[in-house]
């Protein structure tokens, strides 16, 4: 199981970027995790691009988050950018 904890950037389909802190892990052929997001509008399309500091990117789908929480779940698509 591979894991990445650290800074990343979430990019919306219109190019808006927001800095986040992610905790990502692989499990067999899938990868997922969470992102801590300060002030971010997660409405609209839930598919985003996740960029790591070294420039590697992957597609993610934003999941659920409690109304009072700044942590949102992420489901990765394709190969993980950190393995």
N, C-alpha and C. Protein backbone atom coordinates (compact mmCIF):
# COMPACT_ATOMS: atom_id res chain seq x y z
N UNK A 1 0.86 -1.18 0.00
CA UNK A 1 0.00 0.00 0.00
C UNK A 1 0.89 1.24 0.00
N UNK A 2 0.69 2.10 -0.97
CA UNK A 2 1.40 3.37 -1.05
C UNK A 2 0.58 4.45 -0.39
N UNK A 3 1.27 5.49 0.06
CA UNK A 3 0.57 6.57 0.74
C UNK A 3 1.27 7.89 0.44
N UNK A 4 0.49 8.96 0.36
CA UNK A 4 1.03 10.31 0.23
C UNK A 4 0.26 11.21 1.17
N UNK A 5 0.97 11.95 1.98
CA UNK A 5 0.39 12.99 2.83
C UNK A 5 1.16 14.27 2.56
N UNK A 6 0.43 15.32 2.21
CA UNK A 6 1.11 16.57 1.97
C UNK A 6 0.29 17.53 1.14
N UNK A 7 0.92 18.59 0.66
CA UNK A 7 0.21 19.61 -0.10
C UNK A 7 -0.16 19.12 -1.50
N UNK A 8 -1.22 19.69 -2.02
CA UNK A 8 -1.67 19.41 -3.39
C UNK A 8 -2.55 20.57 -3.83
N UNK A 9 -2.94 20.54 -5.09
CA UNK A 9 -3.82 21.56 -5.65
C UNK A 9 -5.00 20.87 -6.31
N UNK A 10 -6.20 21.30 -5.98
CA UNK A 10 -7.41 20.84 -6.68
C UNK A 10 -7.75 21.87 -7.75
N UNK A 11 -8.03 21.38 -8.96
CA UNK A 11 -8.30 22.26 -10.09
C UNK A 11 -9.67 21.91 -10.65
N UNK A 12 -10.55 22.90 -10.74
CA UNK A 12 -11.89 22.67 -11.28
C UNK A 12 -11.84 22.70 -12.81
N UNK A 13 -12.93 22.32 -13.43
CA UNK A 13 -12.99 22.27 -14.89
C UNK A 13 -12.84 23.65 -15.52
N UNK A 14 -13.16 24.72 -14.76
CA UNK A 14 -12.99 26.07 -15.31
C UNK A 14 -11.61 26.65 -14.99
N UNK A 15 -10.72 25.84 -14.40
CA UNK A 15 -9.35 26.26 -14.15
C UNK A 15 -9.09 26.88 -12.79
N UNK A 16 -10.13 27.01 -11.96
CA UNK A 16 -9.93 27.56 -10.62
C UNK A 16 -9.11 26.58 -9.78
N UNK A 17 -8.12 27.11 -9.07
CA UNK A 17 -7.23 26.28 -8.26
C UNK A 17 -7.37 26.62 -6.79
N UNK A 18 -7.24 25.60 -5.95
CA UNK A 18 -7.24 25.80 -4.51
C UNK A 18 -6.21 24.86 -3.90
N UNK A 19 -5.43 25.41 -2.97
CA UNK A 19 -4.43 24.62 -2.28
C UNK A 19 -5.11 23.80 -1.18
N UNK A 20 -4.73 22.54 -1.08
CA UNK A 20 -5.30 21.63 -0.09
C UNK A 20 -4.19 20.81 0.55
N UNK A 21 -4.52 20.14 1.63
CA UNK A 21 -3.64 19.15 2.25
C UNK A 21 -4.34 17.81 2.07
N UNK A 22 -3.65 16.83 1.49
CA UNK A 22 -4.28 15.55 1.20
C UNK A 22 -3.64 14.43 2.00
N UNK A 23 -4.43 13.40 2.23
CA UNK A 23 -3.98 12.12 2.80
C UNK A 23 -4.52 11.06 1.86
N UNK A 24 -3.64 10.53 0.99
CA UNK A 24 -4.05 9.60 -0.06
C UNK A 24 -3.40 8.24 0.17
N UNK A 25 -4.10 7.18 -0.24
CA UNK A 25 -3.55 5.83 -0.12
C UNK A 25 -4.10 4.92 -1.20
N UNK A 26 -3.31 3.93 -1.55
CA UNK A 26 -3.76 2.93 -2.51
C UNK A 26 -4.20 1.68 -1.76
N UNK A 27 -5.14 0.99 -2.34
CA UNK A 27 -5.58 -0.30 -1.83
C UNK A 27 -5.85 -1.16 -3.05
N UNK A 28 -4.98 -2.10 -3.27
CA UNK A 28 -5.00 -2.94 -4.46
C UNK A 28 -4.92 -2.05 -5.69
N UNK A 29 -5.92 -1.99 -6.54
CA UNK A 29 -5.86 -1.19 -7.76
C UNK A 29 -6.62 0.12 -7.67
N UNK A 30 -7.08 0.47 -6.49
CA UNK A 30 -7.84 1.70 -6.30
C UNK A 30 -7.07 2.65 -5.40
N UNK A 31 -7.38 3.92 -5.49
CA UNK A 31 -6.81 4.88 -4.56
C UNK A 31 -7.85 5.91 -4.17
N UNK A 32 -7.70 6.40 -2.96
CA UNK A 32 -8.66 7.36 -2.42
C UNK A 32 -8.01 8.08 -1.25
N UNK A 33 -8.76 8.95 -0.62
CA UNK A 33 -8.26 9.66 0.54
C UNK A 33 -9.13 10.82 0.92
N UNK A 34 -8.52 11.78 1.58
CA UNK A 34 -9.24 12.97 2.01
C UNK A 34 -8.42 14.20 1.66
N UNK A 35 -9.12 15.32 1.58
CA UNK A 35 -8.47 16.61 1.37
C UNK A 35 -9.02 17.58 2.41
N UNK A 36 -8.12 18.31 3.04
CA UNK A 36 -8.52 19.36 3.96
C UNK A 36 -8.55 20.65 3.16
N UNK A 37 -9.74 21.25 3.11
CA UNK A 37 -9.98 22.41 2.26
C UNK A 37 -10.48 23.54 3.13
N UNK A 38 -9.79 24.66 3.07
CA UNK A 38 -10.22 25.81 3.86
C UNK A 38 -11.49 26.43 3.33
N UNK A 39 -11.37 27.26 2.33
CA UNK A 39 -12.51 27.96 1.75
C UNK A 39 -12.62 27.55 0.29
N UNK A 40 -13.55 26.66 0.00
CA UNK A 40 -13.63 26.09 -1.33
C UNK A 40 -15.07 25.75 -1.66
N UNK A 41 -15.52 26.12 -2.83
CA UNK A 41 -16.87 25.82 -3.28
C UNK A 41 -16.85 24.48 -4.00
N UNK A 42 -17.40 23.45 -3.36
CA UNK A 42 -17.40 22.11 -3.93
C UNK A 42 -18.70 21.82 -4.68
N UNK A 43 -19.49 22.83 -4.95
CA UNK A 43 -20.73 22.61 -5.68
C UNK A 43 -20.45 22.45 -7.16
N UNK A 44 -21.43 22.01 -7.89
CA UNK A 44 -21.26 21.84 -9.33
C UNK A 44 -20.64 20.49 -9.63
N UNK A 45 -19.86 20.45 -10.68
CA UNK A 45 -19.23 19.20 -11.07
C UNK A 45 -18.30 18.70 -9.98
N UNK A 46 -18.38 17.42 -9.70
CA UNK A 46 -17.55 16.85 -8.65
C UNK A 46 -16.24 16.28 -9.18
N UNK A 47 -16.04 16.27 -10.48
CA UNK A 47 -14.80 15.76 -11.04
C UNK A 47 -13.79 16.90 -11.12
N UNK A 48 -12.62 16.65 -10.56
CA UNK A 48 -11.56 17.66 -10.50
C UNK A 48 -10.23 17.03 -10.87
N UNK A 49 -9.25 17.85 -11.11
CA UNK A 49 -7.88 17.40 -11.29
C UNK A 49 -7.13 17.66 -10.00
N UNK A 50 -6.35 16.68 -9.57
CA UNK A 50 -5.51 16.82 -8.40
C UNK A 50 -4.06 16.90 -8.87
N UNK A 51 -3.35 17.96 -8.48
CA UNK A 51 -1.95 18.12 -8.87
C UNK A 51 -1.07 18.10 -7.62
N UNK A 52 -0.05 17.25 -7.65
CA UNK A 52 0.91 17.20 -6.57
C UNK A 52 2.02 18.22 -6.81
N UNK A 53 2.82 18.56 -5.79
CA UNK A 53 3.86 19.59 -5.95
C UNK A 53 4.87 19.29 -7.07
N UNK A 54 5.10 18.01 -7.38
CA UNK A 54 6.07 17.68 -8.44
C UNK A 54 5.47 17.74 -9.84
N UNK A 55 4.17 18.14 -9.94
CA UNK A 55 3.52 18.30 -11.23
C UNK A 55 2.70 17.13 -11.70
N UNK A 56 2.81 15.99 -11.03
CA UNK A 56 1.99 14.84 -11.44
C UNK A 56 0.53 15.13 -11.14
N UNK A 57 -0.34 14.68 -12.05
CA UNK A 57 -1.77 14.95 -11.92
C UNK A 57 -2.59 13.68 -12.07
N UNK A 58 -3.80 13.72 -11.55
CA UNK A 58 -4.76 12.63 -11.69
C UNK A 58 -6.16 13.19 -11.52
N UNK A 59 -7.12 12.47 -12.03
CA UNK A 59 -8.51 12.86 -11.89
C UNK A 59 -9.06 12.33 -10.57
N UNK A 60 -9.86 13.15 -9.89
CA UNK A 60 -10.51 12.73 -8.66
C UNK A 60 -11.97 13.16 -8.70
N UNK A 61 -12.77 12.43 -7.96
CA UNK A 61 -14.17 12.79 -7.75
C UNK A 61 -14.32 13.18 -6.30
N UNK A 62 -14.89 14.36 -6.05
CA UNK A 62 -15.12 14.81 -4.69
C UNK A 62 -16.28 14.03 -4.11
N UNK A 63 -16.11 13.61 -2.88
CA UNK A 63 -17.16 12.86 -2.19
C UNK A 63 -17.86 13.73 -1.18
N UNK A 64 -18.23 13.11 -0.10
CA UNK A 64 -19.03 13.79 0.91
C UNK A 64 -18.17 14.50 1.95
N UNK A 65 -18.83 15.42 2.63
CA UNK A 65 -18.20 16.16 3.72
C UNK A 65 -19.31 16.60 4.66
N UNK A 66 -19.04 16.53 5.95
CA UNK A 66 -20.02 17.04 6.91
C UNK A 66 -20.09 18.56 6.77
N UNK A 67 -21.26 19.13 7.02
CA UNK A 67 -21.47 20.56 6.85
C UNK A 67 -20.50 21.39 7.70
N UNK A 68 -20.10 20.89 8.85
CA UNK A 68 -19.23 21.64 9.75
C UNK A 68 -17.75 21.33 9.54
N UNK A 69 -17.44 20.44 8.59
CA UNK A 69 -16.07 19.97 8.42
C UNK A 69 -15.41 20.60 7.19
N UNK A 70 -14.10 20.76 7.25
CA UNK A 70 -13.35 21.22 6.08
C UNK A 70 -12.60 20.06 5.42
N UNK A 71 -12.99 18.81 5.74
CA UNK A 71 -12.39 17.62 5.15
C UNK A 71 -13.41 16.99 4.20
N UNK A 72 -12.95 16.70 2.99
CA UNK A 72 -13.81 16.09 1.98
C UNK A 72 -13.14 14.81 1.47
N UNK A 73 -13.94 13.81 1.13
CA UNK A 73 -13.37 12.57 0.62
C UNK A 73 -13.06 12.71 -0.87
N UNK A 74 -12.06 11.96 -1.31
CA UNK A 74 -11.64 11.94 -2.71
C UNK A 74 -11.59 10.49 -3.19
N UNK A 75 -12.07 10.25 -4.39
CA UNK A 75 -11.94 8.96 -5.04
C UNK A 75 -11.13 9.16 -6.30
N UNK A 76 -10.01 8.46 -6.40
CA UNK A 76 -9.13 8.62 -7.55
C UNK A 76 -9.58 7.84 -8.76
N UNK A 77 -9.15 8.29 -9.91
CA UNK A 77 -9.45 7.64 -11.19
C UNK A 77 -8.14 7.44 -11.92
N UNK A 78 -7.89 6.24 -12.40
CA UNK A 78 -6.65 5.96 -13.10
C UNK A 78 -5.53 5.69 -12.13
N UNK A 79 -4.30 5.68 -12.63
CA UNK A 79 -3.16 5.40 -11.75
C UNK A 79 -2.96 6.52 -10.72
N UNK A 80 -2.56 6.16 -9.51
CA UNK A 80 -2.33 7.20 -8.50
C UNK A 80 -1.10 8.03 -8.85
N UNK A 81 -1.16 9.33 -8.59
CA UNK A 81 -0.03 10.20 -8.95
C UNK A 81 1.12 10.13 -7.96
N UNK A 82 1.01 9.31 -6.94
CA UNK A 82 2.01 9.26 -5.89
C UNK A 82 2.68 7.90 -5.77
N UNK A 83 2.32 6.94 -6.58
CA UNK A 83 2.90 5.59 -6.46
C UNK A 83 4.07 5.42 -7.40
